Protein backbone atom coordinates (compact mmCIF):
# COMPACT_ATOMS: atom_id res chain seq x y z
CA MET A 1 -39.64 -35.52 21.66
CA LEU A 2 -38.19 -32.08 22.88
CA ALA A 3 -37.68 -31.78 26.46
CA LEU A 4 -39.80 -29.11 27.70
CA ARG A 5 -39.71 -28.80 31.54
CA ALA A 6 -35.93 -28.64 32.49
CA PRO A 7 -35.51 -25.22 32.58
CA ALA A 8 -38.66 -24.42 34.82
CA ALA A 9 -37.40 -27.58 36.90
CA ARG A 10 -33.72 -26.55 37.19
CA PHE A 11 -34.93 -22.92 38.60
CA ALA A 12 -37.57 -24.67 40.84
CA ARG A 13 -35.12 -26.75 42.65
CA ALA A 14 -32.92 -23.83 43.79
CA PRO A 15 -33.52 -22.20 47.22
CA PRO A 16 -35.70 -19.12 47.30
CA ALA A 17 -32.52 -16.94 48.06
CA ALA A 18 -30.34 -18.10 45.24
CA ARG A 19 -33.72 -17.78 42.84
CA ARG A 20 -34.25 -14.19 44.06
CA ARG A 21 -30.13 -13.50 43.40
CA CYS A 22 -30.51 -15.26 40.09
CA LEU A 23 -33.55 -12.99 38.92
CA LEU A 24 -32.04 -9.67 40.58
CA SER A 25 -28.69 -10.19 38.74
CA ALA A 26 -30.13 -11.12 35.35
CA ARG A 27 -32.45 -8.03 35.48
CA ALA A 28 -29.28 -5.88 36.43
CA ALA A 29 -27.41 -7.47 33.45
CA SER A 30 -30.47 -6.49 31.21
CA THR A 31 -30.55 -3.15 31.92
CA SER A 32 -26.92 -2.09 31.86
CA ALA A 33 -25.96 -4.15 28.60
CA SER A 34 -26.55 -2.78 24.96
CA VAL A 35 -27.39 -4.12 21.66
CA ASP A 36 -25.61 -3.45 18.52
CA VAL A 37 -27.83 -4.16 15.69
CA GLY A 38 -24.98 -5.43 13.58
CA THR A 39 -24.20 -5.72 9.91
CA PRO A 40 -27.67 -5.31 7.57
CA PRO A 41 -28.77 -8.34 6.44
CA HIS A 42 -27.56 -9.37 3.06
CA VAL A 43 -31.19 -10.31 2.12
CA ALA A 44 -34.48 -9.08 3.31
CA LEU A 45 -37.70 -8.87 2.04
CA VAL A 46 -40.17 -6.17 2.47
CA THR A 47 -43.69 -4.88 1.66
CA PHE A 48 -43.32 -1.33 0.55
CA GLU A 49 -45.26 1.93 -0.71
CA ARG A 50 -43.56 4.10 -3.29
CA SER A 51 -45.53 6.89 -1.66
CA PRO A 52 -48.47 6.91 1.15
CA GLY A 53 -51.63 5.11 -0.20
CA GLN A 54 -50.13 3.64 -3.14
CA LYS A 55 -50.70 0.08 -3.88
CA PRO A 56 -48.41 -2.25 -1.66
CA GLU A 57 -45.41 -3.77 -3.55
CA LEU A 58 -42.99 -6.51 -2.67
CA GLY A 59 -39.50 -5.95 -2.63
CA LEU A 60 -35.89 -7.58 -1.97
CA VAL A 61 -33.64 -5.27 -0.24
CA GLU A 62 -29.53 -5.93 -0.41
CA ASN A 63 -27.60 -4.80 2.61
CA GLY A 64 -30.33 -2.75 4.15
CA HIS A 65 -30.13 -0.16 1.43
CA TRP A 66 -30.85 -1.28 -2.04
CA LEU A 67 -34.22 -2.48 -3.15
CA TRP A 68 -35.55 -4.25 -5.87
CA THR A 69 -39.38 -4.96 -6.82
CA LEU A 70 -40.18 -8.57 -6.91
CA ASP A 71 -43.45 -8.35 -8.68
CA VAL A 72 -43.43 -5.46 -11.06
CA ASP A 73 -47.02 -6.26 -12.49
CA GLY A 74 -48.64 -7.40 -9.26
CA THR A 75 -49.49 -10.65 -10.98
CA ARG A 76 -46.67 -12.89 -9.75
CA TYR A 77 -47.53 -12.91 -6.30
CA PRO A 78 -51.32 -12.44 -6.10
CA ARG A 79 -51.53 -13.03 -2.05
CA GLY A 80 -48.27 -10.75 -1.33
CA MET A 81 -45.86 -11.95 1.10
CA LEU A 82 -47.61 -15.23 1.97
CA ASP A 83 -47.26 -16.34 -1.40
CA VAL A 84 -43.44 -15.23 -1.40
CA ILE A 85 -42.87 -17.54 1.72
CA GLU A 86 -44.63 -20.16 0.47
CA ARG A 87 -42.96 -20.47 -2.84
CA TRP A 88 -39.64 -19.47 -1.63
CA HIS A 89 -39.48 -21.75 1.54
CA ASP A 90 -38.19 -25.13 0.14
CA ALA A 91 -35.33 -23.17 -1.78
CA ALA A 92 -34.65 -21.19 1.52
CA SER A 93 -34.87 -24.51 3.66
CA GLY A 94 -32.74 -26.37 0.96
CA GLY A 95 -29.81 -24.42 1.50
CA ARG A 96 -30.12 -21.35 -1.11
CA THR A 97 -27.63 -18.69 -0.23
CA SER A 98 -27.97 -14.92 -0.09
CA ASP A 99 -25.90 -14.55 -3.02
CA GLU A 100 -28.26 -17.15 -5.00
CA MET A 101 -31.28 -15.31 -3.75
CA LEU A 102 -30.07 -12.12 -5.12
CA GLU A 103 -28.60 -13.57 -8.37
CA THR A 104 -31.95 -14.95 -9.23
CA GLU A 105 -34.37 -12.26 -7.82
CA ARG A 106 -32.83 -8.97 -8.75
CA LYS A 107 -34.27 -7.46 -11.84
CA GLY A 108 -34.33 -3.95 -13.24
CA ASP A 109 -32.92 -1.02 -11.51
CA PRO A 110 -33.02 -0.43 -7.64
CA VAL A 111 -34.19 2.21 -5.41
CA PRO A 112 -32.79 3.35 -2.13
CA VAL A 113 -35.21 1.76 0.90
CA ALA A 114 -35.08 5.28 2.32
CA SER A 115 -36.91 6.50 -0.82
CA VAL A 116 -40.12 4.40 0.09
CA THR A 117 -42.31 3.57 3.08
CA LEU A 118 -42.09 0.34 4.34
CA LEU A 119 -45.01 -1.48 5.79
CA ALA A 120 -45.20 -4.52 8.03
CA PRO A 121 -43.49 -7.58 6.06
CA ILE A 122 -47.07 -9.55 6.32
CA PRO A 123 -49.58 -6.62 6.74
CA ASP A 124 -52.31 -9.64 7.43
CA PRO A 125 -50.61 -12.83 8.88
CA PRO A 126 -52.58 -15.82 9.28
CA SER A 127 -51.80 -16.14 12.76
CA ILE A 128 -49.77 -14.28 15.63
CA VAL A 129 -48.75 -16.95 18.37
CA CYS A 130 -46.91 -15.29 21.35
CA VAL A 131 -45.27 -16.69 24.32
CA GLY A 132 -45.17 -15.39 27.95
CA LYS A 133 -42.55 -15.27 30.63
CA ASN A 134 -40.14 -17.06 28.27
CA TYR A 135 -36.64 -15.35 29.70
CA LEU A 136 -35.82 -15.90 33.33
CA GLU A 137 -35.04 -12.39 33.90
CA HIS A 138 -38.58 -11.42 33.01
CA ILE A 139 -40.31 -13.74 35.34
CA GLY A 140 -41.73 -11.86 38.23
CA GLU A 141 -41.20 -8.29 36.99
CA VAL A 142 -44.68 -8.17 35.88
CA ASP A 143 -46.34 -10.10 38.82
CA SER A 144 -44.71 -8.03 41.36
CA SER A 145 -46.60 -4.91 39.89
CA LEU A 146 -49.48 -6.99 38.76
CA PRO A 147 -49.99 -10.00 40.88
CA GLY A 148 -52.11 -12.67 39.64
CA ILE A 149 -51.35 -11.84 36.03
CA SER A 150 -50.67 -15.71 35.41
CA ALA A 151 -51.45 -18.86 37.39
CA ALA A 152 -47.52 -19.59 37.87
CA GLY A 153 -47.09 -16.47 39.63
CA ALA A 154 -43.24 -15.23 40.02
CA ALA A 155 -42.45 -19.16 39.23
CA PRO A 156 -41.15 -20.25 35.79
CA PRO A 157 -43.85 -22.07 34.02
CA GLU A 158 -43.36 -25.73 33.34
CA TYR A 159 -44.72 -25.32 29.77
CA PRO A 160 -44.88 -22.59 27.57
CA ILE A 161 -47.51 -19.84 28.30
CA ILE A 162 -49.00 -19.50 24.89
CA PHE A 163 -51.64 -16.89 23.60
CA THR A 164 -52.52 -15.10 20.60
CA LYS A 165 -52.54 -11.53 19.37
CA ALA A 166 -55.26 -10.27 16.66
CA PRO A 167 -53.54 -10.04 13.39
CA THR A 168 -55.77 -6.60 13.19
CA SER A 169 -53.00 -5.30 15.53
CA VAL A 170 -50.42 -5.47 12.96
CA VAL A 171 -48.71 -2.03 11.96
CA GLY A 172 -45.39 -1.49 10.01
CA PRO A 173 -42.29 0.49 10.98
CA GLY A 174 -43.12 4.16 11.47
CA ALA A 175 -46.55 3.74 12.04
CA SER A 176 -47.74 5.10 15.22
CA ILE A 177 -48.79 3.01 18.21
CA THR A 178 -52.02 4.67 19.27
CA ILE A 179 -53.05 5.03 23.05
CA PRO A 180 -56.88 3.85 22.90
CA PRO A 181 -58.47 7.15 24.50
CA GLY A 182 -60.36 6.47 28.09
CA VAL A 183 -59.41 2.70 27.87
CA SER A 184 -56.07 2.24 29.51
CA ASP A 185 -53.17 4.18 30.53
CA ALA A 186 -50.63 1.31 31.05
CA ILE A 187 -49.52 0.64 27.91
CA ASP A 188 -46.00 -1.46 27.61
CA TYR A 189 -43.59 -2.40 24.97
CA GLU A 190 -42.25 -5.88 24.63
CA GLY A 191 -39.28 -6.15 22.10
CA GLU A 192 -39.29 -9.69 20.89
CA LEU A 193 -37.78 -11.89 17.91
CA GLY A 194 -40.24 -13.23 15.38
CA VAL A 195 -40.26 -16.25 13.81
CA ILE A 196 -41.86 -16.66 10.29
CA VAL A 197 -43.39 -20.15 9.82
CA GLY A 198 -42.85 -21.18 6.01
CA ARG A 199 -45.23 -23.67 5.12
CA ARG A 200 -48.31 -25.46 6.34
CA THR A 201 -47.55 -28.01 8.82
CA PRO A 202 -50.14 -30.27 10.11
CA PRO A 203 -50.42 -30.95 13.88
CA GLY A 204 -47.80 -33.51 14.99
CA VAL A 205 -45.35 -33.11 12.38
CA ILE A 206 -42.56 -31.11 14.42
CA VAL A 207 -41.21 -33.49 16.67
CA ASP A 208 -37.40 -32.39 16.90
CA GLU A 209 -34.96 -29.50 16.34
CA THR A 210 -34.76 -30.47 12.54
CA SER A 211 -38.51 -30.83 11.86
CA ALA A 212 -38.80 -27.37 13.51
CA TRP A 213 -35.97 -25.49 11.68
CA ASP A 214 -37.36 -27.30 8.43
CA ALA A 215 -40.53 -25.15 9.18
CA VAL A 216 -39.04 -21.89 9.69
CA PHE A 217 -38.68 -19.50 6.76
CA GLY A 218 -37.25 -16.79 8.64
CA PHE A 219 -36.91 -14.07 11.25
CA THR A 220 -38.59 -10.43 12.13
CA ILE A 221 -39.10 -8.00 14.68
CA ILE A 222 -42.15 -8.08 17.01
CA ASN A 223 -43.30 -5.37 19.52
CA ASP A 224 -45.60 -6.96 21.81
CA VAL A 225 -47.45 -4.10 22.88
CA THR A 226 -49.87 -4.63 25.70
CA ALA A 227 -52.25 -2.65 27.78
CA ARG A 228 -51.22 -3.97 31.09
CA ASP A 229 -54.42 -3.14 33.26
CA VAL A 230 -56.65 -4.60 30.41
CA GLN A 231 -54.69 -7.77 30.41
CA LYS A 232 -55.07 -8.16 34.03
CA GLN A 233 -58.72 -7.36 33.85
CA HIS A 234 -59.60 -10.37 31.68
CA GLN A 235 -57.00 -12.80 32.77
CA GLN A 236 -57.03 -13.95 29.14
CA TRP A 237 -54.58 -11.87 27.76
CA TYR A 238 -55.92 -11.49 24.10
CA LEU A 239 -57.79 -8.33 24.30
CA GLY A 240 -55.12 -6.41 26.21
CA LYS A 241 -52.40 -7.25 23.57
CA SER A 242 -54.85 -6.91 20.50
CA PHE A 243 -55.79 -3.15 20.07
CA ASP A 244 -55.22 -1.88 16.73
CA THR A 245 -51.63 -0.77 16.26
CA PHE A 246 -50.31 -3.00 19.12
CA CYS A 247 -48.26 -5.03 16.95
CA PRO A 248 -45.62 -3.23 15.40
CA MET A 249 -43.68 -5.67 12.97
CA GLY A 250 -40.71 -5.21 10.58
CA PRO A 251 -38.97 -3.70 9.22
CA TRP A 252 -38.70 -6.69 7.10
CA ILE A 253 -38.29 -10.47 7.09
CA VAL A 254 -34.70 -12.18 6.94
CA PRO A 255 -34.82 -15.66 5.24
CA LYS A 256 -33.28 -18.06 7.99
CA ASN A 257 -30.17 -18.58 5.76
CA ALA A 258 -29.45 -14.95 5.50
CA LEU A 259 -29.36 -14.88 9.31
CA ARG A 260 -25.75 -13.93 10.30
CA SER A 261 -24.08 -13.17 13.69
CA ASP A 262 -21.26 -10.34 13.89
CA ALA A 263 -20.48 -12.22 17.53
CA ASP A 264 -19.39 -15.10 15.81
CA ALA A 265 -15.34 -14.09 15.61
CA SER A 266 -14.42 -18.19 14.68
CA PRO A 267 -14.29 -18.79 11.36
CA ASN A 268 -15.02 -22.56 11.97
CA ALA A 269 -18.37 -21.30 13.91
CA ASP A 270 -21.45 -22.91 12.78
CA ALA A 271 -23.18 -20.47 10.60
CA SER A 272 -26.76 -22.23 10.46
CA PRO A 273 -29.58 -20.38 11.64
CA ALA A 274 -30.40 -23.10 14.56
CA ALA A 275 -26.56 -22.57 15.76
CA ILE A 276 -26.96 -18.99 15.72
CA VAL A 277 -29.96 -18.33 17.69
CA LYS A 278 -28.81 -20.81 20.11
CA ARG A 279 -25.65 -19.12 20.75
CA GLY A 280 -27.93 -15.80 21.52
CA VAL A 281 -28.95 -13.03 19.02
CA ALA A 282 -28.93 -9.95 20.84
CA LEU A 283 -32.32 -8.28 21.23
CA GLY A 284 -33.32 -5.06 23.12
CA THR A 285 -35.72 -1.99 23.23
CA VAL A 286 -35.10 1.67 23.94
CA VAL A 287 -37.55 4.59 24.74
CA ASN A 288 -36.66 7.83 24.00
CA GLY A 289 -33.02 7.10 23.63
CA GLU A 290 -33.33 4.98 26.96
CA ARG A 291 -31.88 1.60 26.96
CA ARG A 292 -34.75 -0.45 28.67
CA GLN A 293 -34.38 -4.22 27.54
CA ALA A 294 -31.42 -5.97 26.52
CA SER A 295 -30.82 -9.61 26.32
CA ASP A 296 -30.19 -12.40 23.78
CA THR A 297 -31.97 -15.45 22.52
CA SER A 298 -29.82 -17.80 24.39
CA ALA A 299 -31.43 -17.00 27.70
CA MET A 300 -34.84 -18.37 26.33
CA LEU A 301 -36.71 -20.94 28.71
CA PHE A 302 -38.08 -22.58 25.48
CA ASP A 303 -36.33 -22.32 22.46
CA VAL A 304 -37.66 -21.92 19.09
CA PRO A 305 -37.73 -25.67 18.30
CA ALA A 306 -39.54 -26.48 21.41
CA LEU A 307 -42.02 -23.49 21.24
CA LEU A 308 -42.72 -24.68 17.42
CA GLN A 309 -43.30 -28.40 18.60
CA VAL A 310 -45.65 -27.37 21.49
CA VAL A 311 -47.99 -25.09 19.11
CA ASN A 312 -47.87 -27.55 16.55
CA ARG A 313 -49.22 -30.32 18.58
CA ALA A 314 -52.60 -28.52 18.85
CA MET A 315 -52.55 -26.59 15.12
CA THR A 316 -51.64 -26.77 11.75
CA LEU A 317 -49.17 -23.93 10.93
CA ARG A 318 -49.36 -22.01 7.88
CA ALA A 319 -47.03 -19.94 5.71
CA GLY A 320 -47.07 -16.42 7.18
CA ASP A 321 -48.11 -17.74 10.53
CA VAL A 322 -45.87 -15.42 13.08
CA ILE A 323 -44.16 -16.88 16.48
CA ALA A 324 -43.39 -13.99 18.74
CA THR A 325 -40.99 -15.74 20.99
CA GLY A 326 -40.92 -13.67 24.38
CA THR A 327 -39.70 -10.45 25.94
CA PRO A 328 -36.88 -10.02 28.29
CA ALA A 329 -36.80 -8.01 31.37
CA GLY A 330 -36.79 -4.49 31.40
CA VAL A 331 -40.75 -3.75 30.46
CA GLY A 332 -42.38 -0.38 31.67
CA ALA A 333 -44.44 -2.24 34.32
CA GLY A 334 -41.37 -3.54 36.15
CA MET A 335 -40.02 -0.16 36.50
CA ASP A 336 -40.41 1.90 39.58
CA PRO A 337 -41.75 4.64 38.67
CA ARG A 338 -43.64 2.72 36.07
CA GLY A 339 -42.02 3.06 32.40
CA PHE A 340 -45.50 2.90 30.66
CA LEU A 341 -45.41 4.63 27.02
CA ARG A 342 -46.82 8.00 26.55
CA SER A 343 -48.12 10.04 23.59
CA GLY A 344 -45.19 11.72 21.93
CA ASP A 345 -42.77 8.65 23.05
CA ALA A 346 -40.38 6.63 20.41
CA CYS A 347 -39.89 3.27 20.93
CA GLU A 348 -37.08 1.27 18.97
CA VAL A 349 -36.75 -2.41 19.39
CA THR A 350 -33.54 -4.09 17.82
CA VAL A 351 -32.81 -7.69 17.16
CA GLN A 352 -28.97 -8.08 16.02
CA GLY A 353 -28.63 -9.77 12.47
CA VAL A 354 -32.33 -8.49 11.53
CA GLY A 355 -32.45 -4.61 12.25
CA VAL A 356 -34.25 -1.85 14.23
CA LEU A 357 -38.07 -1.48 14.32
CA ARG A 358 -38.82 2.10 15.06
CA ASN A 359 -42.48 3.37 16.14
CA PRO A 360 -43.71 6.77 17.63
CA VAL A 361 -46.40 6.79 20.25
CA GLU A 362 -49.65 8.71 19.84
């Protein structure tokens, strides 16, 4: 079984002054660092419209630029991206390389990605499972401004804080994050790595790192937009995070074996997705050109295999389920003055090796 308590226990044993120094230094580092998107993924999967209002189509993107249609007549994958994930998963898990995917799937003439409208890669995912307070530098910044928002307060949780977002909150890249009028004026951003489940996994099947990564199809970007005042009002976070448009997702899905890291200079570095995420995939958020968040996945308190194991203890995972793995420091609620989103803002979340998810606010 995967160890779940170790990160929180180490932090809790430290003297109060040391815990405070750790939090402050991590927060300072996160706000001064920058995140480079890196080389575009060699292969990515998209849901797109050739023009607004037309029937959504499925596509394969090469190097972030050229797009091939996967389902020309709309009959090959009747459930859209969910069918692609389910049918491709075993091949992707079995080691099919980016070049093999391209060789097998490229048919006809490509078009530039810039000539189409990208939608959320999974417009209606079966579930969106989210994780709270999964980065050390994020612990306490929300509780200091909104005390009582979680039972653990400013201490690291002993177990992952798991909650969900409504699938109806999903929108794609370029779609507007809409501030609900008269309901909330404390709309916050949370940039996160999204993990896409590849196959039906009954409860208890995930018991270690190997079985966890076997269940992963790929990666995307999630902006876990949150109405902080509504989040606190209800204690349960579901409503504050589930307003329509509060889950921007995209711009695409990178199959796990297509994930690569420009940070690995050594030719002998382990290039498996598990090793890349463990070493640290950089992620960050920019609002109106101002860097707000910057960290990497090596700073997670509970890593991807641990999160999948915890969730799978309770529920069957399905192809297309999304696991949003938590956000680092730098959210608007932790700023002085507050840095909440306002109409007219532009919010960009970057995950190195995946891409950039851009959304305006209205």
